[in-house]
């Protein structure tokens, strides 16, 4: 059996970025769907990260506006929009042992970036802006 739960972390801007659901219970080979929404008008990018137990953060992909980009070898899909008050959905199908991890939703991408201005400390900003974590544990 695969057990999924969401734990919320106290970070800045926590009232402006939301990740759901609060919890879910799934079996192996089932599908997990996570949603992220933000209420920051100057941002239009949602980043998704995975962190296996004892491992480093792994960027799964991001949604810029309504354009999804997944990293190579990532078995998931992104759908929706990263614009203000829109849902960005991460879907993981056929859950397996390697699905056991913490999943982070982060916001990024200001209006200035759309105009071609480079944002400094891109990685740090994305990590600091996370609101919620999606935790999955497999019970056999």
N, C-alpha and C. Protein backbone atom coordinates (compact mmCIF):
# COMPACT_ATOMS: atom_id res chain seq x y z
N UNK A 1 0.84 -1.17 0.00
CA UNK A 1 0.00 0.00 0.00
C UNK A 1 0.89 1.24 0.00
N UNK A 2 0.51 2.26 -0.71
CA UNK A 2 1.23 3.52 -0.76
C UNK A 2 0.46 4.51 0.07
N UNK A 3 1.13 5.20 1.00
CA UNK A 3 0.48 6.19 1.84
C UNK A 3 0.99 7.57 1.46
N UNK A 4 0.10 8.50 1.23
CA UNK A 4 0.46 9.86 0.87
C UNK A 4 -0.12 10.82 1.89
N UNK A 5 0.67 11.79 2.30
CA UNK A 5 0.19 12.83 3.20
C UNK A 5 0.89 14.13 2.86
N UNK A 6 0.25 15.23 3.14
CA UNK A 6 0.83 16.54 2.89
C UNK A 6 1.12 17.19 4.22
N UNK A 7 2.33 17.71 4.39
CA UNK A 7 2.65 18.46 5.59
C UNK A 7 3.05 19.87 5.18
N UNK A 8 2.55 20.85 5.90
CA UNK A 8 2.79 22.24 5.54
C UNK A 8 3.95 22.79 6.35
N UNK A 9 4.81 23.54 5.70
CA UNK A 9 5.97 24.11 6.35
C UNK A 9 5.79 25.60 6.50
N UNK A 10 6.28 26.15 7.60
CA UNK A 10 6.14 27.58 7.82
C UNK A 10 7.21 28.35 7.07
N UNK A 11 6.81 29.07 6.04
CA UNK A 11 7.74 29.86 5.25
C UNK A 11 7.10 31.19 4.92
N UNK A 12 7.89 32.11 4.43
CA UNK A 12 7.34 33.39 4.02
C UNK A 12 6.41 33.20 2.83
N UNK A 13 5.48 34.10 2.68
CA UNK A 13 4.50 34.07 1.60
C UNK A 13 3.60 32.84 1.67
N UNK A 14 3.52 32.19 2.84
CA UNK A 14 2.76 30.95 2.93
C UNK A 14 1.28 31.14 2.66
N UNK A 15 0.77 32.34 2.88
CA UNK A 15 -0.64 32.57 2.61
C UNK A 15 -0.89 32.87 1.13
N UNK A 16 0.16 32.90 0.31
CA UNK A 16 0.01 33.23 -1.10
C UNK A 16 0.30 32.06 -2.03
N UNK A 17 0.76 30.93 -1.50
CA UNK A 17 1.02 29.73 -2.29
C UNK A 17 0.34 28.57 -1.57
N UNK A 18 -0.42 27.78 -2.31
CA UNK A 18 -1.20 26.70 -1.70
C UNK A 18 -1.02 25.42 -2.48
N UNK A 19 -0.81 24.33 -1.75
CA UNK A 19 -0.66 23.01 -2.37
C UNK A 19 -1.70 22.08 -1.75
N UNK A 20 -2.41 21.33 -2.58
CA UNK A 20 -3.41 20.38 -2.10
C UNK A 20 -3.23 19.06 -2.85
N UNK A 21 -3.75 17.94 -2.28
CA UNK A 21 -4.66 17.80 -1.15
C UNK A 21 -3.91 17.73 0.17
N UNK A 22 -4.68 17.75 1.26
CA UNK A 22 -4.08 17.67 2.58
C UNK A 22 -3.54 16.27 2.85
N UNK A 23 -4.19 15.25 2.34
CA UNK A 23 -3.70 13.88 2.47
C UNK A 23 -4.41 12.98 1.47
N UNK A 24 -3.81 11.87 1.20
CA UNK A 24 -4.44 10.85 0.34
C UNK A 24 -3.77 9.52 0.60
N UNK A 25 -4.50 8.46 0.35
CA UNK A 25 -3.98 7.11 0.52
C UNK A 25 -4.14 6.39 -0.82
N UNK A 26 -3.06 5.84 -1.33
CA UNK A 26 -3.06 5.19 -2.65
C UNK A 26 -2.39 3.83 -2.57
N UNK A 27 -2.72 2.99 -3.51
CA UNK A 27 -2.07 1.69 -3.67
C UNK A 27 -1.03 1.78 -4.78
N UNK A 28 -0.07 0.85 -4.80
CA UNK A 28 0.89 0.82 -5.91
C UNK A 28 0.16 0.78 -7.25
N UNK A 29 0.75 1.40 -8.24
CA UNK A 29 0.23 1.49 -9.61
C UNK A 29 -0.94 2.45 -9.77
N UNK A 30 -1.39 3.09 -8.69
CA UNK A 30 -2.44 4.10 -8.81
C UNK A 30 -1.81 5.44 -9.18
N UNK A 31 -2.65 6.46 -9.29
CA UNK A 31 -2.23 7.80 -9.72
C UNK A 31 -2.40 8.79 -8.58
N UNK A 32 -1.41 9.66 -8.40
CA UNK A 32 -1.49 10.75 -7.42
C UNK A 32 -1.52 12.08 -8.18
N UNK A 33 -2.42 12.97 -7.78
CA UNK A 33 -2.54 14.27 -8.41
C UNK A 33 -2.39 15.36 -7.36
N UNK A 34 -1.45 16.28 -7.57
CA UNK A 34 -1.20 17.40 -6.67
C UNK A 34 -1.51 18.69 -7.39
N UNK A 35 -2.03 19.65 -6.65
CA UNK A 35 -2.34 20.95 -7.24
C UNK A 35 -1.62 22.04 -6.47
N UNK A 36 -1.16 23.03 -7.21
CA UNK A 36 -0.51 24.19 -6.61
C UNK A 36 -1.15 25.44 -7.20
N UNK A 37 -1.41 26.42 -6.34
CA UNK A 37 -2.03 27.66 -6.75
C UNK A 37 -1.36 28.79 -5.98
N UNK A 38 -1.16 29.94 -6.62
CA UNK A 38 -0.60 31.10 -5.93
C UNK A 38 -1.46 32.32 -6.24
N UNK A 39 -1.34 33.32 -5.39
CA UNK A 39 -2.12 34.56 -5.55
C UNK A 39 -1.20 35.77 -5.67
N UNK A 40 -0.08 35.60 -6.37
CA UNK A 40 0.91 36.66 -6.53
C UNK A 40 0.86 37.11 -7.99
N UNK A 41 0.38 38.31 -8.23
CA UNK A 41 0.12 38.75 -9.60
C UNK A 41 1.37 38.88 -10.47
N UNK A 42 2.53 39.08 -9.87
CA UNK A 42 3.75 39.30 -10.66
C UNK A 42 4.51 38.01 -10.96
N UNK A 43 3.97 36.86 -10.59
CA UNK A 43 4.66 35.59 -10.81
C UNK A 43 3.83 34.70 -11.72
N UNK A 44 4.50 33.98 -12.61
CA UNK A 44 3.80 33.12 -13.55
C UNK A 44 4.54 31.81 -13.79
N UNK A 45 5.25 31.33 -12.77
CA UNK A 45 5.93 30.05 -12.90
C UNK A 45 5.74 29.24 -11.62
N UNK A 46 5.43 27.96 -11.78
CA UNK A 46 5.34 27.02 -10.67
C UNK A 46 6.40 25.96 -10.91
N UNK A 47 7.22 25.70 -9.91
CA UNK A 47 8.25 24.67 -9.99
C UNK A 47 7.87 23.52 -9.08
N UNK A 48 8.14 22.31 -9.50
CA UNK A 48 7.88 21.11 -8.70
C UNK A 48 9.20 20.40 -8.43
N UNK A 49 9.41 20.07 -7.15
CA UNK A 49 10.63 19.38 -6.72
C UNK A 49 10.26 18.08 -6.02
N UNK A 50 11.17 17.13 -6.06
CA UNK A 50 11.04 15.87 -5.34
C UNK A 50 12.28 15.70 -4.49
N UNK A 51 12.08 15.26 -3.25
CA UNK A 51 13.22 14.98 -2.38
C UNK A 51 13.03 13.61 -1.74
N UNK A 52 13.83 12.64 -2.18
CA UNK A 52 13.80 11.31 -1.58
C UNK A 52 14.45 11.37 -0.21
N UNK A 53 14.11 10.42 0.64
CA UNK A 53 14.65 10.43 2.00
C UNK A 53 16.18 10.44 1.96
N UNK A 54 16.76 11.42 2.62
CA UNK A 54 18.21 11.56 2.67
C UNK A 54 18.83 12.09 1.40
N UNK A 55 18.02 12.43 0.42
CA UNK A 55 18.54 12.89 -0.86
C UNK A 55 18.43 14.39 -1.04
N UNK A 56 18.94 14.86 -2.16
CA UNK A 56 18.87 16.28 -2.49
C UNK A 56 17.58 16.57 -3.24
N UNK A 57 17.23 17.85 -3.29
CA UNK A 57 16.07 18.25 -4.08
C UNK A 57 16.34 17.97 -5.55
N UNK A 58 15.35 17.42 -6.21
CA UNK A 58 15.44 17.14 -7.65
C UNK A 58 14.33 17.93 -8.33
N UNK A 59 14.69 18.79 -9.27
CA UNK A 59 13.69 19.51 -10.03
C UNK A 59 12.99 18.53 -10.97
N UNK A 60 11.67 18.42 -10.83
CA UNK A 60 10.90 17.56 -11.73
C UNK A 60 10.52 18.30 -12.99
N UNK A 61 10.20 19.57 -12.83
CA UNK A 61 9.80 20.38 -13.97
C UNK A 61 9.13 21.65 -13.50
N UNK A 62 8.64 22.42 -14.46
CA UNK A 62 7.97 23.66 -14.11
C UNK A 62 6.94 24.02 -15.16
N UNK A 63 6.02 24.84 -14.75
CA UNK A 63 5.00 25.38 -15.64
C UNK A 63 5.23 26.87 -15.72
N UNK A 64 5.45 27.39 -16.92
CA UNK A 64 5.63 28.83 -17.14
C UNK A 64 4.40 29.30 -17.91
N UNK A 65 3.54 30.04 -17.24
CA UNK A 65 2.24 30.36 -17.81
C UNK A 65 1.48 29.06 -17.97
N UNK A 66 1.15 28.69 -19.18
CA UNK A 66 0.49 27.40 -19.41
C UNK A 66 1.38 26.46 -20.23
N UNK A 67 2.70 26.72 -20.23
CA UNK A 67 3.66 25.89 -20.95
C UNK A 67 4.42 24.98 -19.98
N UNK A 68 4.17 23.66 -20.04
CA UNK A 68 4.87 22.74 -19.14
C UNK A 68 6.25 22.35 -19.67
N UNK A 69 7.19 22.17 -18.76
CA UNK A 69 8.52 21.68 -19.10
C UNK A 69 8.92 20.66 -18.04
N UNK A 70 9.16 19.42 -18.45
CA UNK A 70 9.61 18.37 -17.53
C UNK A 70 11.08 18.09 -17.77
N UNK A 71 11.79 17.77 -16.70
CA UNK A 71 13.18 17.37 -16.81
C UNK A 71 13.24 15.99 -17.49
N UNK A 72 14.40 15.67 -18.04
CA UNK A 72 14.59 14.37 -18.69
C UNK A 72 14.37 13.24 -17.69
N UNK A 73 13.79 12.16 -18.13
CA UNK A 73 13.55 10.96 -17.33
C UNK A 73 12.59 11.15 -16.17
N UNK A 74 11.74 12.16 -16.20
CA UNK A 74 10.73 12.36 -15.16
C UNK A 74 9.43 11.74 -15.64
N UNK A 75 8.90 10.81 -14.85
CA UNK A 75 7.64 10.14 -15.19
C UNK A 75 6.49 10.82 -14.47
N UNK A 76 6.06 11.93 -15.01
CA UNK A 76 4.94 12.70 -14.45
C UNK A 76 4.42 13.59 -15.56
N UNK A 77 3.29 14.23 -15.30
CA UNK A 77 2.76 15.21 -16.25
C UNK A 77 2.41 16.49 -15.51
N UNK A 78 2.52 17.61 -16.20
CA UNK A 78 2.13 18.91 -15.68
C UNK A 78 1.00 19.44 -16.55
N UNK A 79 0.01 20.05 -15.88
CA UNK A 79 -1.14 20.56 -16.61
C UNK A 79 -1.65 21.80 -15.90
N UNK A 80 -2.44 22.59 -16.59
CA UNK A 80 -3.05 23.77 -16.00
C UNK A 80 -2.29 25.03 -16.35
N UNK A 81 -2.14 25.91 -15.35
CA UNK A 81 -1.48 27.19 -15.57
C UNK A 81 -0.76 27.63 -14.30
N UNK A 82 0.32 28.36 -14.47
CA UNK A 82 1.06 28.92 -13.33
C UNK A 82 0.71 30.37 -13.09
N UNK A 83 -0.28 30.87 -13.81
CA UNK A 83 -0.70 32.26 -13.61
C UNK A 83 -1.46 32.40 -12.29
N UNK A 84 -1.59 33.63 -11.84
CA UNK A 84 -2.26 33.93 -10.57
C UNK A 84 -3.65 33.31 -10.51
N UNK A 85 -3.96 32.70 -9.36
CA UNK A 85 -5.27 32.08 -9.08
C UNK A 85 -5.65 30.95 -10.03
N UNK A 86 -4.65 30.30 -10.63
CA UNK A 86 -4.90 29.15 -11.50
C UNK A 86 -4.23 27.92 -10.88
N UNK A 87 -4.78 26.75 -11.14
CA UNK A 87 -4.20 25.51 -10.64
C UNK A 87 -3.15 24.98 -11.60
N UNK A 88 -2.01 24.61 -11.04
CA UNK A 88 -0.96 23.89 -11.75
C UNK A 88 -0.96 22.49 -11.15
N UNK A 89 -1.15 21.48 -11.98
CA UNK A 89 -1.33 20.11 -11.51
C UNK A 89 -0.14 19.24 -11.88
N UNK A 90 0.39 18.54 -10.87
CA UNK A 90 1.42 17.52 -11.07
C UNK A 90 0.73 16.17 -10.90
N UNK A 91 0.83 15.32 -11.92
CA UNK A 91 0.21 14.00 -11.87
C UNK A 91 1.30 12.94 -11.99
N UNK A 92 1.31 12.02 -11.03
CA UNK A 92 2.27 10.92 -11.02
C UNK A 92 1.46 9.64 -11.18
N UNK A 93 1.64 8.96 -12.30
CA UNK A 93 0.91 7.72 -12.57
C UNK A 93 1.75 6.51 -12.19
N UNK A 94 1.08 5.41 -11.96
CA UNK A 94 1.73 4.14 -11.66
C UNK A 94 2.74 4.29 -10.52
N UNK A 95 2.24 4.69 -9.35
CA UNK A 95 3.10 4.90 -8.18
C UNK A 95 3.88 3.64 -7.85
N UNK A 96 5.18 3.83 -7.58
CA UNK A 96 6.08 2.73 -7.27
C UNK A 96 6.93 3.09 -6.06
N UNK A 97 7.82 2.19 -5.68
CA UNK A 97 8.70 2.41 -4.54
C UNK A 97 9.46 3.72 -4.66
N UNK A 98 9.94 4.06 -5.86
CA UNK A 98 10.71 5.29 -6.01
C UNK A 98 9.84 6.55 -5.98
N UNK A 99 8.51 6.38 -5.83
CA UNK A 99 7.62 7.52 -5.63
C UNK A 99 7.68 8.01 -4.19
N UNK A 100 8.29 7.23 -3.31
CA UNK A 100 8.40 7.57 -1.90
C UNK A 100 9.33 8.76 -1.75
N UNK A 101 8.77 9.94 -1.46
CA UNK A 101 9.56 11.17 -1.42
C UNK A 101 8.70 12.30 -0.88
N UNK A 102 9.32 13.44 -0.72
CA UNK A 102 8.61 14.68 -0.40
C UNK A 102 8.57 15.50 -1.67
N UNK A 103 7.40 16.02 -2.02
CA UNK A 103 7.21 16.81 -3.23
C UNK A 103 6.92 18.25 -2.85
N UNK A 104 7.64 19.18 -3.44
CA UNK A 104 7.49 20.60 -3.13
C UNK A 104 6.96 21.37 -4.33
N UNK A 105 6.04 22.25 -4.06
CA UNK A 105 5.53 23.19 -5.04
C UNK A 105 6.15 24.54 -4.70
N UNK A 106 6.67 25.25 -5.68
CA UNK A 106 7.27 26.56 -5.44
C UNK A 106 6.84 27.52 -6.53
N UNK A 107 6.77 28.78 -6.20
CA UNK A 107 6.41 29.78 -7.21
C UNK A 107 7.67 30.49 -7.66
N UNK A 108 7.66 30.97 -8.88
CA UNK A 108 8.79 31.72 -9.40
C UNK A 108 8.41 32.37 -10.71
N UNK A 109 9.23 33.28 -11.19
CA UNK A 109 9.00 33.91 -12.47
C UNK A 109 8.23 35.20 -12.37
N UNK A 110 8.92 36.30 -12.25
CA UNK A 110 8.26 37.60 -12.11
C UNK A 110 7.94 38.19 -13.47
N UNK A 111 7.15 39.23 -13.46
CA UNK A 111 6.82 39.95 -14.69
C UNK A 111 8.08 40.49 -15.34
N UNK A 112 9.07 40.86 -14.55
CA UNK A 112 10.33 41.36 -15.11
C UNK A 112 11.04 40.30 -15.93
N UNK A 113 10.93 39.04 -15.51
CA UNK A 113 11.53 37.96 -16.30
C UNK A 113 10.87 37.87 -17.66
N UNK A 114 9.56 38.07 -17.73
CA UNK A 114 8.87 38.02 -19.01
C UNK A 114 9.40 39.08 -19.95
N UNK A 115 9.90 40.18 -19.39
CA UNK A 115 10.44 41.26 -20.20
C UNK A 115 11.93 41.07 -20.48
N UNK A 116 12.48 39.92 -20.08
CA UNK A 116 13.85 39.59 -20.40
C UNK A 116 14.87 39.95 -19.34
N UNK A 117 14.45 40.43 -18.20
CA UNK A 117 15.38 40.77 -17.14
C UNK A 117 15.70 39.51 -16.33
N UNK A 118 16.96 39.27 -16.05
CA UNK A 118 17.39 38.07 -15.35
C UNK A 118 17.14 38.22 -13.85
N UNK A 119 16.56 37.20 -13.25
CA UNK A 119 16.31 37.20 -11.81
C UNK A 119 17.52 36.60 -11.11
N UNK A 120 17.96 37.20 -10.04
CA UNK A 120 19.11 36.72 -9.29
C UNK A 120 18.68 35.64 -8.30
N UNK A 121 19.60 34.73 -7.98
CA UNK A 121 19.39 33.68 -7.00
C UNK A 121 18.12 32.89 -7.30
N UNK A 122 18.00 32.47 -8.52
CA UNK A 122 16.80 31.77 -8.98
C UNK A 122 16.50 30.52 -8.16
N UNK A 123 17.50 29.71 -7.92
CA UNK A 123 17.27 28.47 -7.18
C UNK A 123 16.88 28.74 -5.74
N UNK A 124 17.59 29.63 -5.10
CA UNK A 124 17.28 29.94 -3.71
C UNK A 124 15.87 30.48 -3.56
N UNK A 125 15.46 31.34 -4.43
CA UNK A 125 14.12 31.91 -4.37
C UNK A 125 13.08 30.82 -4.53
N UNK A 126 13.29 29.93 -5.46
CA UNK A 126 12.33 28.85 -5.65
C UNK A 126 12.19 27.97 -4.42
N UNK A 127 13.29 27.66 -3.77
CA UNK A 127 13.24 26.80 -2.61
C UNK A 127 12.64 27.53 -1.42
N UNK A 128 13.02 28.75 -1.21
CA UNK A 128 12.49 29.51 -0.08
C UNK A 128 11.00 29.77 -0.20
N UNK A 129 10.48 29.79 -1.41
CA UNK A 129 9.08 30.13 -1.60
C UNK A 129 8.14 28.94 -1.49
N UNK A 130 8.68 27.76 -1.22
CA UNK A 130 7.80 26.60 -1.12
C UNK A 130 6.85 26.76 0.06
N UNK A 131 5.66 26.27 -0.11
CA UNK A 131 4.68 26.33 0.97
C UNK A 131 4.46 24.97 1.57
N UNK A 132 4.22 24.02 0.73
CA UNK A 132 3.75 22.74 1.23
C UNK A 132 4.62 21.62 0.70
N UNK A 133 4.60 20.54 1.43
CA UNK A 133 5.32 19.36 0.96
C UNK A 133 4.35 18.20 0.85
N UNK A 134 4.56 17.38 -0.12
CA UNK A 134 3.73 16.22 -0.37
C UNK A 134 4.58 15.03 0.01
N UNK A 135 4.17 14.30 1.02
CA UNK A 135 4.97 13.20 1.53
C UNK A 135 4.32 11.88 1.16
N UNK A 136 5.09 10.98 0.62
CA UNK A 136 4.55 9.66 0.31
C UNK A 136 5.40 8.59 0.97
N UNK A 137 4.74 7.60 1.55
CA UNK A 137 5.44 6.47 2.14
C UNK A 137 4.77 5.20 1.66
N UNK A 138 5.56 4.22 1.32
CA UNK A 138 5.00 2.95 0.87
C UNK A 138 5.03 1.97 2.02
N UNK A 139 3.88 1.40 2.30
CA UNK A 139 3.77 0.35 3.31
C UNK A 139 3.48 -0.96 2.60
N UNK A 140 4.29 -1.95 2.87
CA UNK A 140 4.09 -3.26 2.24
C UNK A 140 3.40 -4.21 3.19
